[in-house]
Amino acid sequence: MDNTIAQHISSLLSSATISESTRHLFNQRLSEGKYIRDENPESHFIVYFAAIDTRSRMLFMNHNKKANLWLFNGGHIDKNENPRATMQREMREEWGYVPCHIPSSPELLTITDVSNPYAPCRLHFDIWHFIDIPKDSFKPDTEKLITESTEFRWMAINEALKIVTDKSTVEAIHFIVSTFFI
């Protein structure tokens, strides 16, 4: 199981946008083994999936209950999953469905220093997917969203940048602007 996750994530290091220092830390973390939260609660890989509407230049964000932060949707990789399987499982859990057109591979990798004293997590190795979906046709299941979010909505870039404090999420927003909203 570890080798499969390691091989999959290792292959992402050449295809996703990533700084050299982040690439080095991802490679270092891959060499340590124990990639999922159940194996290493303090340092593990997670997947984000951000709904964006390139036509209206809007982002779908939620205020996460556990983190007490404005974030995109996402979750931890489970045993025997690769990042794509995690994304699809988490979409079903958080949105109630998997959109028809999802990216084949992630486009950004970041590292988040988790500063929540109530969470065992200390370091997340983030694997980012961006889903371009018209906000008028995006119909997530509200009941599923409220299990993990206190609030959720579409917002413009300037609004998101005013309320988002997580550095990796800010980096993802800037990536969206420079890649999708040009």
Protein backbone atom coordinates (compact mmCIF):
# COMPACT_ATOMS: atom_id res chain seq x y z
CA MET A 1 0.00 0.00 0.00
CA ASP A 2 2.72 2.51 0.97
CA ASN A 3 4.65 1.91 -2.27
CA THR A 4 1.55 2.55 -4.39
CA ILE A 5 0.79 5.86 -2.67
CA ALA A 6 4.46 6.84 -2.79
CA GLN A 7 4.71 6.04 -6.51
CA HIS A 8 1.52 7.94 -7.28
CA ILE A 9 2.51 11.03 -5.29
CA SER A 10 6.07 10.86 -6.60
CA SER A 11 4.74 11.02 -10.16
CA LEU A 12 2.79 14.18 -9.24
CA LEU A 13 5.99 15.97 -8.34
CA SER A 14 6.85 16.33 -12.02
CA SER A 15 3.39 17.27 -13.28
CA ALA A 16 1.96 19.66 -10.67
CA THR A 17 2.98 23.24 -9.95
CA ILE A 18 5.37 23.14 -7.02
CA SER A 19 8.23 25.23 -5.70
CA GLU A 20 11.66 23.61 -5.41
CA SER A 21 11.60 23.84 -1.61
CA THR A 22 8.16 22.20 -1.50
CA ARG A 23 9.33 19.51 -3.96
CA HIS A 24 12.27 18.78 -1.66
CA LEU A 25 9.99 18.52 1.40
CA PHE A 26 7.51 16.28 -0.47
CA ASN A 27 10.39 13.97 -1.50
CA GLN A 28 11.73 13.97 2.04
CA ARG A 29 8.27 13.15 3.43
CA LEU A 30 7.80 10.35 0.86
CA SER A 31 11.06 8.76 2.01
CA GLU A 32 9.73 8.56 5.58
CA GLY A 33 6.75 6.28 4.81
CA LYS A 34 3.46 6.14 6.75
CA TYR A 35 1.60 8.54 4.44
CA ILE A 36 -1.95 8.49 5.78
CA ARG A 37 -3.44 9.97 8.94
CA ASP A 38 -4.11 6.57 10.53
CA GLU A 39 -0.41 5.69 10.22
CA ASN A 40 0.98 9.11 11.10
CA PRO A 41 -1.51 11.52 12.73
CA GLU A 42 1.02 14.36 12.82
CA SER A 43 2.21 14.45 9.20
CA HIS A 44 0.33 13.05 6.19
CA PHE A 45 -1.05 13.69 2.71
CA ILE A 46 -4.44 15.26 2.06
CA VAL A 47 -6.47 16.15 -1.01
CA TYR A 48 -8.28 19.41 -1.75
CA PHE A 49 -10.84 19.89 -4.50
CA ALA A 50 -11.84 23.44 -5.27
CA ALA A 51 -15.01 24.27 -7.19
CA ILE A 52 -14.36 27.31 -9.36
CA ASP A 53 -16.51 29.03 -11.95
CA THR A 54 -14.16 30.56 -14.52
CA ARG A 55 -17.01 32.36 -16.30
CA SER A 56 -18.13 34.33 -13.26
CA ARG A 57 -14.66 34.28 -11.63
CA MET A 58 -16.12 32.86 -8.41
CA LEU A 59 -14.89 30.31 -5.85
CA PHE A 60 -16.97 27.92 -3.74
CA MET A 61 -15.62 28.00 -0.20
CA ASN A 62 -16.69 26.75 3.19
CA HIS A 63 -15.97 27.65 6.78
CA ASN A 64 -14.65 24.36 8.14
CA LYS A 65 -15.90 23.45 11.63
CA LYS A 66 -12.80 21.54 12.78
CA ALA A 67 -10.21 23.97 11.45
CA ASN A 68 -12.31 27.09 12.12
CA LEU A 69 -11.02 28.44 8.81
CA TRP A 70 -12.36 29.33 5.38
CA LEU A 71 -11.13 26.54 3.10
CA PHE A 72 -11.92 24.65 -0.07
CA ASN A 73 -13.38 21.17 0.35
CA GLY A 74 -11.00 18.30 0.92
CA GLY A 75 -9.99 15.42 3.14
CA HIS A 76 -7.44 12.91 4.28
CA ILE A 77 -6.27 10.00 2.15
CA ASP A 78 -7.52 6.67 3.52
CA LYS A 79 -5.80 3.30 3.43
CA ASN A 80 -5.53 1.80 -0.07
CA GLU A 81 -6.52 5.07 -1.77
CA ASN A 82 -4.64 7.22 -4.22
CA PRO A 83 -5.31 10.99 -4.35
CA ARG A 84 -7.86 10.66 -7.17
CA ALA A 85 -9.87 8.02 -5.27
CA THR A 86 -9.72 10.23 -2.18
CA MET A 87 -11.02 13.20 -4.16
CA GLN A 88 -13.96 11.19 -5.50
CA ARG A 89 -14.82 9.71 -2.09
CA GLU A 90 -14.61 13.09 -0.39
CA MET A 91 -16.77 14.69 -3.11
CA ARG A 92 -19.47 12.11 -2.45
CA GLU A 93 -19.13 12.67 1.32
CA GLU A 94 -19.07 16.48 1.22
CA TRP A 95 -20.98 17.38 -1.97
CA GLY A 96 -23.18 14.31 -2.38
CA TYR A 97 -21.93 13.60 -5.90
CA VAL A 98 -18.93 13.58 -8.21
CA PRO A 99 -19.19 16.10 -11.07
CA CYS A 100 -18.92 14.73 -14.62
CA HIS A 101 -15.73 16.57 -15.47
CA ILE A 102 -13.05 16.29 -12.83
CA PRO A 103 -9.34 16.79 -13.42
CA SER A 104 -7.30 13.70 -14.20
CA SER A 105 -4.46 14.83 -11.97
CA PRO A 106 -3.80 17.54 -9.40
CA GLU A 107 -2.36 20.86 -10.47
CA LEU A 108 -0.79 22.25 -7.31
CA LEU A 109 1.09 20.88 -4.30
CA THR A 110 1.54 22.82 -1.07
CA ILE A 111 2.46 22.16 2.55
CA THR A 112 0.32 23.40 5.44
CA ASP A 113 1.58 23.91 8.96
CA VAL A 114 -1.54 23.04 10.98
CA SER A 115 -1.79 25.27 14.03
CA ASN A 116 -5.01 23.92 15.56
CA PRO A 117 -4.20 22.87 19.15
CA TYR A 118 -7.23 20.54 19.19
CA ALA A 119 -6.13 18.53 16.14
CA PRO A 120 -3.41 15.87 16.14
CA CYS A 121 -2.31 17.06 12.68
CA ARG A 122 0.79 19.24 12.55
CA LEU A 123 1.79 19.09 8.88
CA HIS A 124 -0.36 18.48 5.80
CA PHE A 125 1.10 17.69 2.40
CA ASP A 126 -1.64 19.16 0.20
CA ILE A 127 -2.62 17.79 -3.21
CA TRP A 128 -4.87 20.29 -5.04
CA HIS A 129 -7.51 19.65 -7.74
CA PHE A 130 -9.51 22.47 -9.35
CA ILE A 131 -12.94 21.75 -10.82
CA ASP A 132 -14.33 24.31 -13.25
CA ILE A 133 -18.08 24.12 -12.83
CA PRO A 134 -20.73 26.79 -13.51
CA LYS A 135 -22.08 27.97 -10.18
CA ASP A 136 -25.65 27.74 -11.51
CA SER A 137 -25.27 24.02 -12.18
CA PHE A 138 -23.28 23.22 -9.02
CA LYS A 139 -25.79 21.59 -6.68
CA PRO A 140 -24.05 20.12 -3.64
CA ASP A 141 -26.11 18.40 -0.97
CA THR A 142 -26.61 20.99 1.79
CA GLU A 143 -27.11 18.28 4.41
CA LYS A 144 -23.69 16.86 3.61
CA LEU A 145 -22.02 20.28 3.57
CA ILE A 146 -23.30 21.22 7.02
CA THR A 147 -21.71 18.14 8.58
CA GLU A 148 -18.29 19.76 8.16
CA SER A 149 -19.04 23.43 7.50
CA THR A 150 -20.66 26.22 9.47
CA GLU A 151 -21.11 28.25 6.30
CA PHE A 152 -20.49 27.82 2.56
CA ARG A 153 -20.99 29.97 -0.50
CA TRP A 154 -19.68 31.20 -3.81
CA MET A 155 -17.50 34.27 -3.49
CA ALA A 156 -15.37 36.58 -5.60
CA ILE A 157 -11.59 36.49 -5.36
CA ASN A 158 -11.34 39.76 -3.43
CA GLU A 159 -13.87 38.53 -0.84
CA ALA A 160 -12.04 35.22 -0.45
CA LEU A 161 -8.68 36.92 0.02
CA LYS A 162 -10.17 39.11 2.77
CA ILE A 163 -11.39 36.17 4.87
CA VAL A 164 -8.96 33.32 4.10
CA THR A 165 -6.06 33.13 6.55
CA ASP A 166 -4.62 29.70 5.72
CA LYS A 167 -1.41 30.30 3.72
CA SER A 168 -1.83 27.25 1.46
CA THR A 169 -5.40 28.23 0.62
CA VAL A 170 -4.23 31.76 -0.22
CA GLU A 171 -1.56 30.19 -2.45
CA ALA A 172 -4.25 28.08 -4.13
CA ILE A 173 -6.40 31.19 -4.73
CA HIS A 174 -3.45 32.97 -6.36
CA PHE A 175 -2.82 29.85 -8.46
CA ILE A 176 -6.48 29.89 -9.58
CA VAL A 177 -6.24 33.55 -10.55
CA SER A 178 -3.01 33.09 -12.53
CA THR A 179 -4.06 29.81 -14.18
CA PHE A 180 -7.82 29.91 -14.67
CA PHE A 181 -8.92 33.55 -14.39
CA ILE A 182 -6.51 35.08 -16.90
